Amino acid sequence: MKQRIVSRWLFVFVVVSALGTCVSAMQMGMQQGQGMGPGHRMPRYDPKTEVTVKGTVEEVKDMECSYCGANMTGTHLLVKADQRTLDVHLGPTNFLASKKFSFEKGDSVEITGSKVKLNGEDVLIAREVKKANNTLKLRNSQGIPLWSRGGRRGK
């Protein structure tokens, strides 16, 4: 009887320890601005690296988003600005669709966002995009996505 009780407590201790280790590792990754997706580590939006660029859309890409959640696609723009092409991460494709906002090759855009490194390349995590007389707001001033609970789901 005593051996069963000890075995159960040992099992509970091992499970709780393993869960604690997993939670701690996830928190460290999030503090470092890393997403949880396999193979992709999404850097965190950094207001200190915020820039505004004007350019022309060369390509619109809806890509599987491994750090967004299961079965989600994210919209990216390849924007020609200042003699170079910049990969601009907008957000979940369904969020853009819910805002009735779309992009096409040749669109002139002005993008405000955080310039960060992803896999050694410069990318821009967009906070807002202006096209003609329309503005698409994607994140608040701290960079919290408006499609998330922290952004109050697109308020």
Protein backbone atom coordinates (compact mmCIF):
# COMPACT_ATOMS: atom_id res chain seq x y z
CA MET A 1 0.00 0.00 0.00
CA LYS A 2 2.77 2.43 0.98
CA GLN A 3 4.65 1.56 -2.20
CA ARG A 4 1.58 2.48 -4.33
CA ILE A 5 1.23 5.85 -2.62
CA VAL A 6 4.93 6.58 -3.10
CA SER A 7 4.71 5.50 -6.76
CA ARG A 8 1.73 7.77 -7.37
CA TRP A 9 3.44 10.75 -5.74
CA LEU A 10 6.59 10.07 -7.72
CA PHE A 11 4.53 9.94 -10.93
CA VAL A 12 2.77 13.22 -10.05
CA PHE A 13 6.14 14.83 -9.24
CA VAL A 14 7.64 13.74 -12.59
CA VAL A 15 4.61 15.00 -14.58
CA VAL A 16 4.53 18.36 -12.77
CA SER A 17 8.30 18.79 -13.24
CA ALA A 18 8.04 18.02 -16.95
CA LEU A 19 5.19 20.49 -17.39
CA GLY A 20 7.13 23.15 -15.50
CA THR A 21 10.14 22.64 -17.76
CA CYS A 22 7.96 22.95 -20.90
CA VAL A 23 6.26 26.12 -19.67
CA SER A 24 9.60 27.63 -18.70
CA ALA A 25 11.08 26.89 -22.14
CA MET A 26 8.04 28.41 -23.88
CA GLN A 27 8.27 31.55 -21.77
CA MET A 28 11.97 31.94 -22.56
CA GLY A 29 11.26 31.64 -26.28
CA MET A 30 8.48 34.21 -26.09
CA GLN A 31 10.65 36.63 -24.09
CA GLN A 32 13.26 36.36 -26.81
CA GLY A 33 10.58 37.22 -29.36
CA GLN A 34 10.43 33.78 -30.87
CA GLY A 35 7.29 32.12 -32.13
CA MET A 36 6.42 28.56 -31.35
CA GLY A 37 6.22 27.16 -34.87
CA PRO A 38 8.52 24.44 -36.18
CA GLY A 39 11.34 25.84 -38.28
CA HIS A 40 10.17 29.44 -37.98
CA ARG A 41 10.98 31.84 -35.23
CA MET A 42 8.97 35.00 -35.63
CA PRO A 43 10.75 37.98 -34.13
CA ARG A 44 8.76 40.23 -31.87
CA TYR A 45 7.61 43.65 -33.04
CA ASP A 46 10.04 46.25 -31.70
CA PRO A 47 8.76 49.87 -31.66
CA LYS A 48 12.42 51.04 -31.42
CA THR A 49 13.10 49.73 -34.94
CA GLU A 50 9.98 51.26 -36.48
CA VAL A 51 10.39 52.76 -39.96
CA THR A 52 8.08 54.02 -42.69
CA VAL A 53 8.75 52.98 -46.28
CA LYS A 54 7.04 53.85 -49.53
CA GLY A 55 7.13 51.48 -52.43
CA THR A 56 5.36 49.39 -55.02
CA VAL A 57 3.94 45.92 -54.46
CA GLU A 58 5.83 43.42 -56.63
CA GLU A 59 4.11 40.31 -55.32
CA VAL A 60 1.39 39.27 -52.86
CA LYS A 61 1.97 35.93 -51.13
CA ASP A 62 -0.40 34.03 -48.89
CA MET A 63 1.85 31.60 -47.06
CA GLU A 64 1.30 28.88 -44.51
CA CYS A 65 2.06 30.45 -41.18
CA SER A 66 3.74 27.95 -38.86
CA TYR A 67 3.91 30.41 -35.96
CA CYS A 68 0.30 31.69 -36.29
CA GLY A 69 -1.55 28.52 -35.39
CA ALA A 70 -2.92 25.46 -37.10
CA ASN A 71 -4.18 25.80 -40.67
CA MET A 72 -3.59 29.55 -40.89
CA THR A 73 -2.14 31.51 -43.75
CA GLY A 74 -0.37 34.82 -43.46
CA THR A 75 -0.21 37.52 -46.10
CA HIS A 76 3.17 38.88 -47.14
CA LEU A 77 3.99 41.62 -49.61
CA LEU A 78 7.20 41.88 -51.58
CA VAL A 79 7.62 45.65 -51.87
CA LYS A 80 10.14 47.43 -54.07
CA ALA A 81 11.42 50.41 -52.07
CA ASP A 82 14.67 52.36 -52.51
CA GLN A 83 16.17 50.02 -55.13
CA ARG A 84 15.60 46.87 -53.07
CA THR A 85 12.81 44.41 -52.38
CA LEU A 86 11.54 44.06 -48.83
CA ASP A 87 9.52 41.16 -47.40
CA VAL A 88 6.61 42.70 -45.48
CA HIS A 89 4.70 40.53 -43.00
CA LEU A 90 1.14 41.78 -42.69
CA GLY A 91 -0.81 39.22 -40.66
CA PRO A 92 -3.36 36.43 -41.00
CA THR A 93 -5.01 36.37 -44.41
CA ASN A 94 -8.46 36.01 -42.86
CA PHE A 95 -7.91 39.21 -40.80
CA LEU A 96 -7.16 41.20 -43.98
CA ALA A 97 -10.23 39.70 -45.65
CA SER A 98 -12.40 40.64 -42.66
CA LYS A 99 -11.22 44.24 -43.10
CA LYS A 100 -12.07 44.06 -46.83
CA PHE A 101 -8.48 44.98 -47.66
CA SER A 102 -6.52 43.44 -50.52
CA PHE A 103 -3.35 44.13 -52.45
CA GLU A 104 -2.30 43.62 -56.05
CA LYS A 105 0.93 43.83 -57.97
CA GLY A 106 1.63 47.47 -58.83
CA ASP A 107 -0.17 48.99 -55.82
CA SER A 108 1.63 52.00 -54.31
CA VAL A 109 1.86 51.56 -50.55
CA GLU A 110 3.25 53.30 -47.49
CA ILE A 111 4.08 50.88 -44.70
CA THR A 112 4.94 51.64 -41.10
CA GLY A 113 6.44 48.71 -39.25
CA SER A 114 9.27 47.19 -37.28
CA LYS A 115 12.39 46.28 -39.27
CA VAL A 116 13.75 43.03 -37.85
CA LYS A 117 15.95 40.09 -38.85
CA LEU A 118 14.35 36.76 -39.69
CA ASN A 119 16.61 33.90 -40.71
CA GLY A 120 19.36 36.47 -41.36
CA GLU A 121 17.24 38.62 -43.68
CA ASP A 122 15.67 42.04 -43.12
CA VAL A 123 11.89 41.87 -42.96
CA LEU A 124 9.27 44.42 -42.02
CA ILE A 125 6.51 43.48 -39.58
CA ALA A 126 3.78 45.90 -40.63
CA ARG A 127 1.83 47.95 -38.09
CA GLU A 128 -0.17 49.88 -40.67
CA VAL A 129 -0.37 50.05 -44.44
CA LYS A 130 -1.69 52.97 -46.47
CA LYS A 131 -2.94 52.36 -49.99
CA ALA A 132 -4.50 55.28 -51.86
CA ASN A 133 -6.80 56.94 -49.30
CA ASN A 134 -7.27 53.80 -47.20
CA THR A 135 -5.35 52.71 -44.11
CA LEU A 136 -5.16 49.14 -42.82
CA LYS A 137 -4.25 49.01 -39.12
CA LEU A 138 -2.67 45.70 -38.16
CA ARG A 139 -1.08 46.35 -34.77
CA ASN A 140 -1.29 48.92 -32.01
CA SER A 141 1.58 51.32 -31.24
CA GLN A 142 3.32 48.67 -29.11
CA GLY A 143 3.09 46.18 -31.96
CA ILE A 144 0.40 43.97 -30.45
CA PRO A 145 -1.63 42.40 -33.29
CA LEU A 146 -5.18 43.69 -33.53
CA TRP A 147 -6.40 40.20 -34.40
CA SER A 148 -5.20 38.89 -31.01
CA ARG A 149 -6.86 39.18 -27.62
CA GLY A 150 -4.16 41.65 -26.56
CA GLY A 151 -5.19 43.85 -29.47
CA ARG A 152 -8.85 43.37 -28.53
CA ARG A 153 -9.52 41.46 -31.78
CA GLY A 154 -9.34 44.30 -34.25
CA LYS A 155 -11.24 46.85 -32.17
